[in-house]
C-alpha atoms as a PDB file:
ATOM      1  CA  MET A   1       4.149 -29.676  -0.349  1.00  0.00           C
ATOM      2  CA  ARG A   2       5.477 -26.877   1.846  1.00  0.00           C
ATOM      3  CA  PHE A   3       6.169 -24.710  -1.232  1.00  0.00           C
ATOM      4  CA  GLN A   4       2.627 -25.252  -2.501  1.00  0.00           C
ATOM      5  CA  GLN A   5       1.153 -24.247   0.851  1.00  0.00           C
ATOM      6  CA  SER A   6       3.318 -21.136   0.935  1.00  0.00           C
ATOM      7  CA  ALA A   7       2.172 -20.188  -2.574  1.00  0.00           C
ATOM      8  CA  GLU A   8      -1.462 -20.750  -1.604  1.00  0.00           C
ATOM      9  CA  ASN A   9      -1.034 -18.586   1.506  1.00  0.00           C
ATOM     10  CA  GLU A  10       0.578 -15.839  -0.572  1.00  0.00           C
ATOM     11  CA  GLU A  11      -2.260 -15.996  -3.104  1.00  0.00           C
ATOM     12  CA  ALA A  12      -4.879 -15.758  -0.347  1.00  0.00           C
ATOM     13  CA  GLN A  13      -3.076 -12.782   1.218  1.00  0.00           C
ATOM     14  CA  LEU A  14      -2.851 -11.083  -2.162  1.00  0.00           C
ATOM     15  CA  LYS A  15      -6.644 -11.344  -2.576  1.00  0.00           C
ATOM     16  CA  ILE A  16      -7.173  -9.864   0.899  1.00  0.00           C
ATOM     17  CA  ASP A  17      -4.787  -7.022   0.089  1.00  0.00           C
ATOM     18  CA  GLN A  18      -6.485  -6.328  -3.241  1.00  0.00           C
ATOM     19  CA  ALA A  19      -9.855  -6.017  -1.512  1.00  0.00           C
ATOM     20  CA  GLY A  20      -8.512  -3.647   1.154  1.00  0.00           C
ATOM     21  CA  PHE A  21      -6.617  -1.633  -1.436  1.00  0.00           C
ATOM     22  CA  VAL A  22      -9.888  -0.589  -3.078  1.00  0.00           C
ATOM     23  CA  GLU A  23     -10.982   1.241   0.082  1.00  0.00           C
ATOM     24  CA  PHE A  24      -7.487   2.670   0.577  1.00  0.00           C
ATOM     25  CA  LYS A  25      -7.501   4.109  -2.963  1.00  0.00           C
ATOM     26  CA  GLN A  26     -10.946   5.611  -2.430  1.00  0.00           C
ATOM     27  CA  ASP A  27      -9.681   7.395   0.666  1.00  0.00           C
ATOM     28  CA  LEU A  28      -6.715   8.751  -1.280  1.00  0.00           C
ATOM     29  CA  THR A  29      -8.815  10.236  -4.091  1.00  0.00           C
ATOM     30  CA  ALA A  30      -9.681  13.215  -1.883  1.00  0.00           C
ATOM     31  CA  LEU A  31      -5.985  14.160  -1.889  1.00  0.00           C
ATOM     32  CA  LYS A  32      -6.052  14.781  -5.637  1.00  0.00           C
ATOM     33  CA  ILE A  33      -3.242  12.329  -6.270  1.00  0.00           C
ATOM     34  CA  PRO A  34      -2.808  11.817 -10.014  1.00  0.00           C
ATOM     35  CA  GLU A  35      -4.726   8.872 -11.453  1.00  0.00           C
ATOM     36  CA  LYS A  36      -1.501   7.373 -12.781  1.00  0.00           C
ATOM     37  CA  THR A  37      -0.117   7.242  -9.227  1.00  0.00           C
ATOM     38  CA  LEU A  38      -3.358   5.873  -7.757  1.00  0.00           C
ATOM     39  CA  ASN A  39      -3.336   3.030 -10.261  1.00  0.00           C
ATOM     40  CA  SER A  40       0.365   2.296  -9.976  1.00  0.00           C
ATOM     41  CA  ARG A  41       1.897  -0.959  -8.871  1.00  0.00           C
ATOM     42  CA  THR A  42       4.100   1.113  -6.550  1.00  0.00           C
ATOM     43  CA  LEU A  43       1.104   2.340  -4.574  1.00  0.00           C
ATOM     44  CA  PHE A  44      -0.268  -1.186  -4.266  1.00  0.00           C
ATOM     45  CA  GLU A  45       3.102  -2.426  -3.047  1.00  0.00           C
ATOM     46  CA  VAL A  46       3.299   0.479  -0.548  1.00  0.00           C
ATOM     47  CA  TYR A  47      -0.113  -0.632   0.710  1.00  0.00           C
ATOM     48  CA  ARG A  48       1.091  -4.240   1.036  1.00  0.00           C
ATOM     49  CA  CYS A  49       4.159  -3.056   2.955  1.00  0.00           C
ATOM     50  CA  GLY A  50       1.933  -1.054   5.307  1.00  0.00           C
ATOM     51  CA  MET A  51      -0.298  -4.055   5.868  1.00  0.00           C
ATOM     52  CA  GLY A  52       2.693  -6.218   6.691  1.00  0.00           C
ATOM     53  CA  SER A  53       2.169  -8.521   3.707  1.00  0.00           C
ATOM     54  CA  ILE A  54       5.584  -7.554   2.384  1.00  0.00           C
ATOM     55  CA  THR A  55       8.220  -7.597   5.091  1.00  0.00           C
ATOM     56  CA  GLU A  56      11.405  -6.822   3.162  1.00  0.00           C
ATOM     57  CA  ARG A  57      12.471  -3.558   4.838  1.00  0.00           C
ATOM     58  CA  ASN A  58      14.768  -2.226   2.127  1.00  0.00           C
ATOM     59  CA  TYR A  59      12.191  -2.872  -0.572  1.00  0.00           C
ATOM     60  CA  CYS A  60       9.443  -1.184   1.429  1.00  0.00           C
ATOM     61  CA  ALA A  61      11.682   1.781   2.264  1.00  0.00           C
ATOM     62  CA  HIS A  62      12.524   2.221  -1.417  1.00  0.00           C
ATOM     63  CA  LEU A  63       8.845   2.095  -2.395  1.00  0.00           C
ATOM     64  CA  GLY A  64       7.934   4.542   0.348  1.00  0.00           C
ATOM     65  CA  ASP A  65      10.615   6.973  -0.803  1.00  0.00           C
ATOM     66  CA  GLU A  66       9.394   6.701  -4.379  1.00  0.00           C
ATOM     67  CA  PHE A  67       5.733   7.205  -3.493  1.00  0.00           C
ATOM     68  CA  PHE A  68       6.099   9.924  -0.871  1.00  0.00           C
ATOM     69  CA  GLY A  69       8.640  11.738  -3.024  1.00  0.00           C
ATOM     70  CA  SER A  70       5.908  12.226  -5.614  1.00  0.00           C
ATOM     71  CA  LEU A  71       3.566  13.955  -3.135  1.00  0.00           C
ATOM     72  CA  THR A  72       3.350  17.630  -2.327  1.00  0.00           C
ATOM     73  CA  ASP A  73       3.934  18.766   1.247  1.00  0.00           C
ATOM     74  CA  GLU A  74       0.185  19.326   1.591  1.00  0.00           C
ATOM     75  CA  GLN A  75      -0.569  15.788   0.386  1.00  0.00           C
ATOM     76  CA  LYS A  76       2.034  14.326   2.746  1.00  0.00           C
ATOM     77  CA  LYS A  77       0.349  16.047   5.670  1.00  0.00           C
ATOM     78  CA  ALA A  78      -3.144  15.047   4.556  1.00  0.00           C
ATOM     79  CA  ILE A  79      -2.239  11.395   3.974  1.00  0.00           C
ATOM     80  CA  ARG A  80      -1.182  10.740   7.580  1.00  0.00           C
ATOM     81  CA  PRO A  81      -4.725  10.060   8.942  1.00  0.00           C
ATOM     82  CA  ILE A  82      -5.450   7.771   5.989  1.00  0.00           C
ATOM     83  CA  LEU A  83      -2.309   5.748   6.640  1.00  0.00           C
ATOM     84  CA  GLU A  84      -3.146   5.529  10.334  1.00  0.00           C
ATOM     85  CA  LYS A  85      -6.677   4.395   9.531  1.00  0.00           C
ATOM     86  CA  HIS A  86      -5.511   1.548   7.309  1.00  0.00           C
ATOM     87  CA  PHE A  87      -2.189   0.519   8.812  1.00  0.00           C
ATOM     88  CA  ASN A  88      -2.693   0.883  12.563  1.00  0.00           C
ATOM     89  CA  LYS A  89      -5.190  -1.979  12.490  1.00  0.00           C
ATOM     90  CA  HIS A  90      -2.272  -4.348  11.988  1.00  0.00           C
END
């Protein structure tokens, strides 16, 4: 019973994250991030880490390194307000 409830909670959180991710991706399009990166599972998982849906620190750190390592210095600077907009709510 407890496992089923946990799975249902995870599924509900995933749907919430997917809905918020759409807006997050739209905000990122102005940074001219390649389409492949915008549609990657890595970016979605980075978003979930930022929202607190994924709490495994090492996993989130690895994803962050992978994602931010693919950005130019200009993109890294420009992304800060977008991250603050989406992640400081939580």
